[in-house]
């Protein structure tokens, strides 16, 4: 399976870095009157620059501004730390109106020309007619043409073809201490547990299910429990989203380094929701000790009460588990906190944020891929499935697509600069496309290419200039003409 891309967009690297600097103050707010000293501690630290990876420090006003930008935008704290996009981005203000029309006419006549050839000929036109204005750089011309889908078209002369030692050392050298988050929903724990009892599957064999458990660190409340047949990212996100809807969005989530926990869909979704995702060291389960201790209660009480239930199904097991968690565990006195988890959860200071809708959560928990759009039919291939893009995005050469790899019934087209969702895209339906109904291609009225332009019987501007320069040089003729 292909690995998703790692974001290299500067504005996202900066946003993730800034959130990493001030995120600890959001998940564990300092006591009243201690904010300035906490910010000052961050200023004294040395950080790796997000772009060049060089050691660097940041001033107090800078870190303070980052903190308040993230704190005041609880719905999207990471997005609030993005670099602002210029208001004139994508408008190509350096191209005059006459120059755009000249380039449009030139492309209409010579669609097989390279970008360089278009630029060189446009340069001659600018030198000849000052009314066209100043000629911008080559890269500006290329970006302008690509934005409007003016790509090089091959000539039709012939057919076109498709082408774990560190953890042990740390345990020996560093002390191990118990910890607890100060506020409700400041830190959650998540892990999978393999059941001690095998259940009969629909195929007639026996298999041990796995239990996804999510706990709140401060109150020890069980946010959600659910049994599954497989331990993967799909089931992790399925259970995690239910916990979000029940208890709200936490500030931080601690997991181990299992493949479902570090999957691109999981990691990207948590980051887009503004949830810190620290992971334990390899072979260091003691760092997630509250979750490991919880499994002892699951096996010692819940599974012991089901010891003689020989016809137990997965659905029945889930019914019993939810009833035990909500009616016994969450309502029983916890030996360490001296009160019930539910009571402590309700009485503590809550740092949770409202949970987005189900549809929005699905858009967040997706891996992102970069794809090249096939110009012939406006499609792209993703995980072996071909998706069809809307006609209004046909000019894009590279597209960024979000998808949950276990659900290829739809994907989402994302903006390359901001990461915002533009629209959903769906797999190609060839049978539906066979109805011969086609929409008209819409373009900006002043930049619509004439498919039948008036062709003048003359050479290109650059070639005429070269001939004029040669004649003006005074050199003798390079050949002797011969009458036919």
Protein backbone atom coordinates (compact mmCIF):
# COMPACT_ATOMS: atom_id res chain seq x y z
CA UNK A 1 0.00 0.00 0.00
CA UNK A 2 1.38 3.39 -0.95
CA UNK A 3 2.41 5.71 1.87
CA UNK A 4 0.72 9.14 1.99
CA UNK A 5 2.76 12.22 1.34
CA UNK A 6 4.35 14.21 4.13
CA UNK A 7 3.33 17.84 3.95
CA UNK A 8 6.07 20.10 2.59
CA UNK A 9 3.97 23.26 2.35
CA UNK A 10 5.73 26.03 4.25
CA UNK A 11 2.56 27.48 5.78
CA UNK A 12 1.57 24.06 7.16
CA UNK A 13 5.09 23.37 8.49
CA UNK A 14 5.00 26.71 10.31
CA UNK A 15 1.48 26.10 11.65
CA UNK A 16 2.40 22.63 12.96
CA UNK A 17 5.61 24.01 14.49
CA UNK A 18 3.84 26.93 16.20
CA UNK A 19 1.16 24.61 17.56
CA UNK A 20 3.92 22.34 18.89
CA UNK A 21 5.43 25.30 20.77
CA UNK A 22 2.25 26.57 22.46
CA UNK A 23 0.12 23.40 22.42
CA UNK A 24 1.24 22.39 25.91
CA UNK A 25 -0.24 25.63 27.32
CA UNK A 26 -3.62 24.75 25.75
CA UNK A 27 -3.77 21.19 27.09
CA UNK A 28 -2.44 22.21 30.53
CA UNK A 29 -3.19 25.94 31.10
CA UNK A 30 -0.89 27.51 33.70
CA UNK A 31 -2.37 28.74 37.02
CA UNK A 32 -3.65 32.29 37.23
CA UNK A 33 -0.79 34.78 37.12
CA UNK A 34 1.75 32.23 35.79
CA UNK A 35 1.13 32.67 32.05
CA UNK A 36 3.98 35.14 31.54
CA UNK A 37 6.52 32.88 33.26
CA UNK A 38 5.31 29.89 31.23
CA UNK A 39 5.68 31.86 27.99
CA UNK A 40 9.11 33.04 29.08
CA UNK A 41 10.19 29.41 29.61
CA UNK A 42 9.20 28.65 26.02
CA UNK A 43 11.23 31.66 24.82
CA UNK A 44 14.35 30.39 26.60
CA UNK A 45 14.13 27.00 24.90
CA UNK A 46 16.02 26.25 21.69
CA UNK A 47 13.80 24.95 18.88
CA UNK A 48 14.52 23.36 15.52
CA UNK A 49 13.54 25.75 12.74
CA UNK A 50 10.64 24.19 10.79
CA UNK A 51 12.26 24.90 7.41
CA UNK A 52 16.06 24.73 7.69
CA UNK A 53 16.11 22.66 10.94
CA UNK A 54 18.67 25.02 12.48
CA UNK A 55 18.59 25.73 16.27
CA UNK A 56 16.66 28.93 16.89
CA UNK A 57 14.85 30.88 19.60
CA UNK A 58 11.78 33.12 19.49
CA UNK A 59 10.99 36.35 21.33
CA UNK A 60 8.36 36.71 24.05
CA UNK A 61 5.90 38.78 21.90
CA UNK A 62 6.12 36.19 19.11
CA UNK A 63 5.31 33.20 21.34
CA UNK A 64 2.61 35.24 23.12
CA UNK A 65 0.95 36.08 19.80
CA UNK A 66 0.99 32.41 18.77
CA UNK A 67 -0.60 31.40 22.08
CA UNK A 68 -3.48 33.86 21.84
CA UNK A 69 -4.08 33.13 18.14
CA UNK A 70 -4.55 29.42 18.93
CA UNK A 71 -6.48 30.02 22.17
CA UNK A 72 -8.96 32.44 20.61
CA UNK A 73 -9.79 30.06 17.76
CA UNK A 74 -10.92 26.89 19.55
CA UNK A 75 -12.57 25.44 16.45
CA UNK A 76 -9.31 25.37 14.48
CA UNK A 77 -6.26 26.31 16.60
CA UNK A 78 -3.80 24.94 14.03
CA UNK A 79 -5.45 26.84 11.19
CA UNK A 80 -5.19 30.08 13.17
CA UNK A 81 -1.40 29.66 13.18
CA UNK A 82 -1.09 29.36 9.39
CA UNK A 83 0.76 32.01 7.47
CA UNK A 84 -1.64 34.38 5.80
CA UNK A 85 -2.07 34.03 2.04
CA UNK A 86 -1.69 37.18 0.01
CA UNK A 87 -4.97 38.75 -1.07
CA UNK A 88 -3.77 38.96 -4.67
CA UNK A 89 -2.58 35.34 -4.81
CA UNK A 90 -3.51 33.79 -8.15
CA UNK A 91 -4.60 37.05 -9.80
CA UNK A 92 -1.39 37.63 -11.82
CA UNK A 93 -1.56 41.40 -11.45
CA UNK A 94 1.75 41.81 -13.32
CA UNK A 95 0.06 40.83 -16.62
CA UNK A 96 -1.80 43.63 -18.32
CA UNK A 97 -5.13 43.00 -20.01
CA UNK A 98 -3.64 43.46 -23.48
CA UNK A 99 -0.79 41.09 -22.67
CA UNK A 100 -3.24 38.41 -21.51
CA UNK A 101 -5.20 38.68 -24.72
CA UNK A 102 -2.02 38.58 -26.78
CA UNK A 103 -0.92 35.42 -24.97
CA UNK A 104 -4.39 33.93 -25.42
CA UNK A 105 -4.34 34.56 -29.17
CA UNK A 106 -0.81 33.17 -29.43
CA UNK A 107 -1.78 29.98 -27.59
CA UNK A 108 -4.90 29.56 -29.72
CA UNK A 109 -2.73 29.52 -32.84
CA UNK A 110 0.19 27.49 -31.46
CA UNK A 111 -1.00 24.98 -28.88
CA UNK A 112 1.94 22.66 -29.54
CA UNK A 113 4.53 25.28 -28.54
CA UNK A 114 6.52 24.84 -25.33
CA UNK A 115 6.24 27.40 -22.51
CA UNK A 116 9.69 28.72 -23.41
CA UNK A 117 8.71 29.25 -27.02
CA UNK A 118 5.55 31.07 -25.98
CA UNK A 119 7.61 33.30 -23.67
CA UNK A 120 10.24 34.10 -26.30
CA UNK A 121 7.66 35.06 -28.89
CA UNK A 122 5.69 37.09 -26.35
CA UNK A 123 8.91 38.95 -25.56
CA UNK A 124 9.21 39.99 -29.19
CA UNK A 125 5.63 41.23 -29.21
CA UNK A 126 6.29 43.35 -26.10
CA UNK A 127 9.41 44.86 -27.65
CA UNK A 128 7.44 45.70 -30.78
CA UNK A 129 4.36 47.13 -29.02
CA UNK A 130 4.94 49.12 -25.81
CA UNK A 131 1.18 49.28 -25.19
CA UNK A 132 1.33 45.65 -24.01
CA UNK A 133 3.18 46.79 -20.88
CA UNK A 134 6.13 45.24 -19.10
CA UNK A 135 6.84 41.56 -19.70
CA UNK A 136 6.77 39.58 -16.41
CA UNK A 137 9.13 36.71 -15.60
CA UNK A 138 9.07 33.35 -17.32
CA UNK A 139 7.73 31.60 -14.19
CA UNK A 140 4.81 34.06 -14.03
CA UNK A 141 3.85 33.29 -17.63
CA UNK A 142 4.04 29.54 -16.94
CA UNK A 143 1.87 29.82 -13.80
CA UNK A 144 -0.68 31.93 -15.65
CA UNK A 145 -0.94 29.45 -18.51
CA UNK A 146 -1.19 26.43 -16.22
CA UNK A 147 -3.89 28.13 -14.15
CA UNK A 148 -6.06 28.46 -17.23
CA UNK A 149 -5.28 25.01 -18.57
CA UNK A 150 -3.14 26.25 -21.44
CA UNK A 151 -0.86 23.25 -21.55
CA UNK A 152 1.21 22.02 -24.43
CA UNK A 153 -0.80 19.88 -26.83
CA UNK A 154 1.01 17.36 -29.04
CA UNK A 155 0.65 17.60 -32.75
CA UNK A 156 -1.98 15.38 -34.37
CA UNK A 157 0.42 14.11 -37.04
CA UNK A 158 0.43 10.63 -35.46
CA UNK A 159 -1.67 8.76 -32.88
CA UNK A 160 -1.16 9.74 -29.22
CA UNK A 161 -0.66 6.84 -26.69
CA UNK A 162 -1.46 6.82 -22.86
CA UNK A 163 1.11 6.55 -21.31
CA UNK A 164 13.84 -0.88 21.31
CA UNK A 165 17.33 0.03 22.89
CA UNK A 166 16.64 3.67 23.63
CA UNK A 167 13.66 2.79 25.87
CA UNK A 168 15.74 0.37 27.94
CA UNK A 169 18.53 2.93 28.42
CA UNK A 170 16.00 5.56 29.43
CA UNK A 171 14.36 3.21 31.94
CA UNK A 172 17.78 2.55 33.51
CA UNK A 173 18.89 6.19 33.55
CA UNK A 174 15.64 8.07 34.27
CA UNK A 175 13.24 7.73 37.18
CA UNK A 176 9.62 6.68 36.59
CA UNK A 177 6.94 8.87 38.21
CA UNK A 178 3.16 8.81 38.26
CA UNK A 179 1.38 11.76 36.66
CA UNK A 180 -2.11 13.15 36.23
CA UNK A 181 -3.61 15.84 34.03
CA UNK A 182 -4.98 18.74 36.05
CA UNK A 183 -8.18 19.22 34.05
CA UNK A 184 -10.95 17.12 32.53
CA UNK A 185 -10.43 16.32 28.84
CA UNK A 186 -6.89 17.72 28.92
CA UNK A 187 -5.46 14.25 28.21
CA UNK A 188 -7.01 11.02 26.97
CA UNK A 189 -5.50 7.54 26.79
CA UNK A 190 -6.22 5.09 23.98
CA UNK A 191 -5.16 1.49 23.42
CA UNK A 192 -6.25 -1.89 22.10
CA UNK A 193 -6.54 -5.06 24.23
CA UNK A 194 -6.82 -8.65 23.03
CA UNK A 195 -9.61 -10.55 24.73
CA UNK A 196 -8.78 -13.63 26.81
CA UNK A 197 -11.90 -15.38 25.51
CA UNK A 198 -12.29 -16.59 21.92
CA UNK A 199 -15.64 -16.07 20.24
CA UNK A 200 -17.20 -18.01 17.40
CA UNK A 201 -17.28 -16.07 14.12
CA UNK A 202 -19.86 -16.30 11.36
CA UNK A 203 -17.45 -18.58 9.46
CA UNK A 204 -17.62 -21.17 12.23
CA UNK A 205 -14.09 -20.74 13.59
CA UNK A 206 -12.94 -19.16 16.85
CA UNK A 207 -11.17 -15.80 17.10
CA UNK A 208 -10.21 -13.47 19.93
CA UNK A 209 -11.66 -9.98 19.48
CA UNK A 210 -9.81 -6.81 20.41
CA UNK A 211 -11.15 -4.07 22.70
CA UNK A 212 -10.65 -0.40 21.95
CA UNK A 213 -10.63 1.58 25.20
CA UNK A 214 -10.48 5.35 25.67
CA UNK A 215 -9.98 6.89 29.14
CA UNK A 216 -9.86 10.45 30.46
CA UNK A 217 -6.65 10.92 32.47
CA UNK A 218 -7.93 13.31 35.16
CA UNK A 219 -11.23 11.60 35.99
CA UNK A 220 -10.40 8.00 34.83
CA UNK A 221 -13.78 8.08 33.08
CA UNK A 222 -14.26 5.50 30.35
CA UNK A 223 -15.10 7.66 27.32
CA UNK A 224 -15.86 4.70 25.06
CA UNK A 225 -15.37 0.92 24.86
CA UNK A 226 -16.01 -1.29 21.86
CA UNK A 227 -14.93 -4.75 20.67
CA UNK A 228 -13.80 -5.36 17.08
CA UNK A 229 -12.47 -8.31 15.12
CA UNK A 230 -9.47 -6.38 13.79
CA UNK A 231 -7.01 -3.87 15.23
CA UNK A 232 -6.61 -1.27 12.50
CA UNK A 233 -6.99 2.44 11.84
CA UNK A 234 -10.53 2.07 10.49
CA UNK A 235 -11.85 0.63 13.76
CA UNK A 236 -9.74 2.99 15.87
CA UNK A 237 -11.26 6.02 14.19
CA UNK A 238 -14.74 4.46 14.31
CA UNK A 239 -14.52 4.17 18.11
CA UNK A 240 -12.64 7.44 18.65
CA UNK A 241 -15.28 9.47 16.82
CA UNK A 242 -17.95 7.98 19.08
CA UNK A 243 -15.94 9.10 22.12
CA UNK A 244 -15.75 12.61 20.63
CA UNK A 245 -19.51 12.76 20.21
CA UNK A 246 -20.07 11.52 23.78
CA UNK A 247 -17.52 13.65 25.67
CA UNK A 248 -16.30 16.41 23.30
CA UNK A 249 -12.88 17.01 21.78
CA UNK A 250 -9.92 16.59 24.18
CA UNK A 251 -6.74 18.65 24.09
CA UNK A 252 -4.31 15.72 23.90
CA UNK A 253 -4.39 11.98 23.16
CA UNK A 254 -1.66 9.58 24.36
CA UNK A 255 -1.18 6.30 22.50
CA UNK A 256 1.56 3.80 21.82
CA UNK A 257 3.25 3.44 18.45
CA UNK A 258 1.01 0.72 17.02
CA UNK A 259 0.31 0.92 13.31
CA UNK A 260 -3.33 2.07 13.76
CA UNK A 261 -2.20 4.86 16.12
CA UNK A 262 0.43 6.27 13.79
CA UNK A 263 -1.49 5.74 10.57
CA UNK A 264 -1.71 8.79 8.34
CA UNK A 265 -5.50 8.99 8.72
CA UNK A 266 -5.24 8.98 12.55
CA UNK A 267 -2.32 11.39 12.87
CA UNK A 268 -3.64 13.84 10.25
CA UNK A 269 -7.16 13.85 11.68
CA UNK A 270 -5.99 14.60 15.22
CA UNK A 271 -3.77 17.42 13.98
CA UNK A 272 -6.55 18.98 11.90
CA UNK A 273 -8.81 18.88 14.99
CA UNK A 274 -6.13 20.63 17.10
CA UNK A 275 -5.47 17.59 19.32
CA UNK A 276 -1.88 16.91 20.42
CA UNK A 277 -0.84 13.32 19.76
CA UNK A 278 2.17 12.30 21.91
CA UNK A 279 3.20 8.66 21.72
CA UNK A 280 4.98 6.44 24.24
CA UNK A 281 8.51 5.20 23.70
CA UNK A 282 8.91 1.82 22.07
CA UNK A 283 8.56 -1.06 24.55
CA UNK A 284 7.52 1.37 27.32
CA UNK A 285 3.94 0.41 28.27
CA UNK A 286 4.42 1.93 31.75
CA UNK A 287 4.09 5.37 30.15
CA UNK A 288 0.44 4.56 29.44
CA UNK A 289 -0.01 2.84 32.81
CA UNK A 290 -3.59 3.97 33.48
CA UNK A 291 -4.76 2.26 30.31
CA UNK A 292 -2.81 -0.94 31.08
CA UNK A 293 -4.27 -0.99 34.60
CA UNK A 294 -7.78 -0.66 33.17
CA UNK A 295 -7.43 -3.90 31.23
CA UNK A 296 -7.04 -5.72 34.57
CA UNK A 297 -10.54 -4.59 35.57
CA UNK A 298 -11.96 -5.60 32.20
CA UNK A 299 -10.58 -9.12 32.53
CA UNK A 300 -11.01 -9.42 36.32
CA UNK A 301 -14.65 -8.36 36.45
CA UNK A 302 -16.33 -8.15 33.06
CA UNK A 303 -14.85 -11.24 31.40
CA UNK A 304 -15.10 -13.27 34.61
CA UNK A 305 -18.86 -12.67 34.66
CA UNK A 306 -19.04 -14.01 31.09
CA UNK A 307 -16.95 -17.12 31.78
CA UNK A 308 -19.87 -19.54 31.34
CA UNK A 309 -21.48 -17.77 28.38
CA UNK A 310 -20.46 -20.21 25.61
CA UNK A 311 -22.67 -18.82 22.81
CA UNK A 312 -21.47 -15.24 23.17
CA UNK A 313 -21.45 -13.15 19.99
CA UNK A 314 -19.56 -9.93 19.30
CA UNK A 315 -22.73 -7.80 19.46
CA UNK A 316 -23.74 -9.36 22.76
CA UNK A 317 -20.24 -8.80 24.14
CA UNK A 318 -20.45 -5.12 23.18
CA UNK A 319 -23.86 -4.79 24.87
CA UNK A 320 -22.52 -6.28 28.11
CA UNK A 321 -19.34 -4.18 27.93
CA UNK A 322 -21.09 -0.83 27.50
CA UNK A 323 -23.55 -1.68 30.33
CA UNK A 324 -20.65 -2.64 32.66
CA UNK A 325 -18.62 0.46 31.80
CA UNK A 326 -21.45 2.98 32.19
CA UNK A 327 -23.37 1.41 35.10
CA UNK A 328 -20.55 -0.06 37.21
CA UNK A 329 -17.07 1.23 36.38
CA UNK A 330 -17.96 4.91 35.80
CA UNK A 331 -20.21 4.94 38.90
CA UNK A 332 -17.93 3.05 41.35
CA UNK A 333 -15.47 4.66 43.80
CA UNK A 334 -12.00 4.69 42.28
CA UNK A 335 -9.33 3.63 44.77
CA UNK A 336 -6.88 6.37 43.70
CA UNK A 337 -9.11 9.42 43.23
CA UNK A 338 -11.46 8.51 46.13
CA UNK A 339 -14.61 9.26 44.11
CA UNK A 340 -16.42 7.94 41.08
CA UNK A 341 -14.98 8.74 37.64
CA UNK A 342 -18.33 10.18 36.56
CA UNK A 343 -18.50 12.50 39.58
CA UNK A 344 -14.95 13.76 39.05
CA UNK A 345 -15.60 14.24 35.35
CA UNK A 346 -18.66 16.40 36.04
CA UNK A 347 -17.08 18.44 38.84
CA UNK A 348 -13.68 19.11 37.27
CA UNK A 349 -12.75 22.05 35.04
CA UNK A 350 -13.51 20.95 31.50
CA UNK A 351 -11.14 21.83 28.64
CA UNK A 352 -13.13 20.05 25.95
CA UNK A 353 -14.31 21.67 22.74
CA UNK A 354 -17.51 21.00 20.77
CA UNK A 355 -17.33 18.00 18.47
CA UNK A 356 -17.82 18.58 14.72
CA UNK A 357 -20.52 16.78 12.77
CA UNK A 358 -20.12 13.19 11.61
CA UNK A 359 -19.49 14.32 8.05
CA UNK A 360 -16.80 16.80 9.13
CA UNK A 361 -15.04 14.14 11.21
CA UNK A 362 -14.91 11.87 8.17
CA UNK A 363 -13.21 14.66 6.20
CA UNK A 364 -10.64 15.20 8.95
CA UNK A 365 -9.59 11.55 9.39
CA UNK A 366 -8.21 11.10 5.89
CA UNK A 367 -4.75 10.59 4.46
CA UNK A 368 -3.61 13.07 1.83
CA UNK A 369 -2.11 12.09 -1.51
CA UNK A 370 -0.71 14.09 -4.41
CA UNK A 371 -1.89 13.02 -7.84
CA UNK A 372 -1.50 14.17 -11.45
CA UNK A 373 -4.76 14.67 -13.31
CA UNK A 374 -5.11 12.83 -16.61
CA UNK A 375 -5.90 15.52 -19.15
CA UNK A 376 -7.73 13.22 -21.55
CA UNK A 377 -10.74 12.56 -19.33
CA UNK A 378 -10.15 14.53 -16.08
CA UNK A 379 -9.55 11.52 -13.83
CA UNK A 380 -6.92 10.36 -11.32
CA UNK A 381 -5.97 7.00 -9.85
CA UNK A 382 -6.07 6.44 -6.08
CA UNK A 383 -5.40 3.08 -4.41
CA UNK A 384 -6.19 1.33 -7.71
CA UNK A 385 -9.53 3.12 -8.15
CA UNK A 386 -10.02 5.82 -10.79
CA UNK A 387 -11.84 8.95 -9.57
CA UNK A 388 -13.47 11.62 -11.73
CA UNK A 389 -12.85 15.33 -11.05
CA UNK A 390 -15.46 18.06 -11.68
CA UNK A 391 -14.97 19.94 -14.94
CA UNK A 392 -14.20 23.24 -13.21
CA UNK A 393 -10.94 21.73 -11.88
CA UNK A 394 -9.78 20.33 -15.22
CA UNK A 395 -6.98 22.92 -15.50
CA UNK A 396 -5.19 21.66 -12.37
CA UNK A 397 -2.06 19.67 -13.19
CA UNK A 398 -1.43 18.36 -9.67
CA UNK A 399 -4.24 17.80 -7.19
CA UNK A 400 -4.27 17.00 -3.47
CA UNK A 401 -6.77 14.32 -2.50
CA UNK A 402 -7.91 13.21 0.96
CA UNK A 403 -9.28 9.70 1.43
CA UNK A 404 -9.74 7.07 4.13
CA UNK A 405 -8.05 4.09 2.49
CA UNK A 406 -10.61 1.62 3.84
CA UNK A 407 -13.49 3.56 2.25
CA UNK A 408 -12.97 4.30 -1.43
CA UNK A 409 -16.63 5.12 -2.11
CA UNK A 410 -15.63 8.80 -2.13
CA UNK A 411 -12.63 11.06 -1.64
CA UNK A 412 -12.18 14.79 -1.11
CA UNK A 413 -10.36 17.32 -3.29
CA UNK A 414 -8.27 19.70 -1.11
CA UNK A 415 -6.73 23.09 -1.83
CA UNK A 416 -2.96 22.84 -2.23
CA UNK A 417 -2.21 26.06 -0.33
CA UNK A 418 -4.66 25.96 2.58
CA UNK A 419 -5.65 22.30 2.82
CA UNK A 420 -9.35 23.23 2.83
CA UNK A 421 -11.84 20.76 1.33
CA UNK A 422 -13.05 21.92 -2.09
CA UNK A 423 -15.52 19.18 -3.00
CA UNK A 424 -16.07 15.42 -2.78
CA UNK A 425 -15.06 13.26 -5.75
CA UNK A 426 -16.41 9.84 -6.63
CA UNK A 427 -15.20 6.75 -8.54
CA UNK A 428 -15.57 6.84 -12.29
CA UNK A 429 -18.93 5.47 -13.47
CA UNK A 430 -18.34 4.43 -17.09
CA UNK A 431 -21.86 3.07 -17.51
CA UNK A 432 -23.39 6.41 -16.51
CA UNK A 433 -21.00 8.30 -18.78
CA UNK A 434 -22.22 6.21 -21.70
CA UNK A 435 -25.45 8.24 -21.91
CA UNK A 436 -23.59 10.71 -24.20
CA UNK A 437 -24.68 13.71 -22.13
CA UNK A 438 -21.85 16.21 -21.69
CA UNK A 439 -21.76 19.63 -20.02
CA UNK A 440 -20.24 22.68 -21.71
CA UNK A 441 -16.80 23.65 -20.46
CA UNK A 442 -17.03 26.95 -18.57
CA UNK A 443 -14.21 29.48 -18.66
CA UNK A 444 -13.64 33.13 -17.87
CA UNK A 445 -15.33 34.98 -20.73
CA UNK A 446 -12.35 37.13 -21.64
CA UNK A 447 -9.94 34.17 -21.66
CA UNK A 448 -11.99 31.64 -23.60
CA UNK A 449 -9.90 30.06 -26.34
CA UNK A 450 -11.33 30.31 -29.84
CA UNK A 451 -11.29 26.83 -31.34
CA UNK A 452 -11.28 28.27 -34.90
CA UNK A 453 -9.07 31.39 -34.77
CA UNK A 454 -8.34 33.42 -37.86
CA UNK A 455 -4.93 32.24 -39.09
CA UNK A 456 -2.64 34.68 -40.83
CA UNK A 457 -0.21 33.44 -43.44
CA UNK A 458 2.92 34.75 -41.77
CA UNK A 459 5.90 33.58 -39.74
CA UNK A 460 6.12 33.78 -35.96
CA UNK A 461 7.22 37.13 -34.43
CA UNK A 462 10.56 35.75 -33.21
CA UNK A 463 11.47 34.34 -36.63
CA UNK A 464 10.59 37.61 -38.38
CA UNK A 465 12.74 39.53 -35.88
CA UNK A 466 15.70 37.20 -36.50
CA UNK A 467 15.35 37.77 -40.26
CA UNK A 468 15.18 41.55 -39.83
CA UNK A 469 18.25 41.51 -37.58
CA UNK A 470 20.17 39.45 -40.11
CA UNK A 471 19.29 41.77 -42.98
CA UNK A 472 20.26 44.79 -40.89
CA UNK A 473 23.65 43.30 -39.99
CA UNK A 474 25.05 43.95 -43.48
CA UNK A 475 26.36 40.41 -43.83
CA UNK A 476 26.45 38.98 -47.38
CA UNK A 477 23.78 36.46 -48.38
CA UNK A 478 24.40 33.06 -46.87
CA UNK A 479 23.37 31.26 -50.05
CA UNK A 480 22.98 31.86 -53.77
CA UNK A 481 19.37 31.67 -54.91
CA UNK A 482 18.66 29.39 -57.83
CA UNK A 483 15.72 29.86 -60.11
CA UNK A 484 13.41 26.91 -60.29
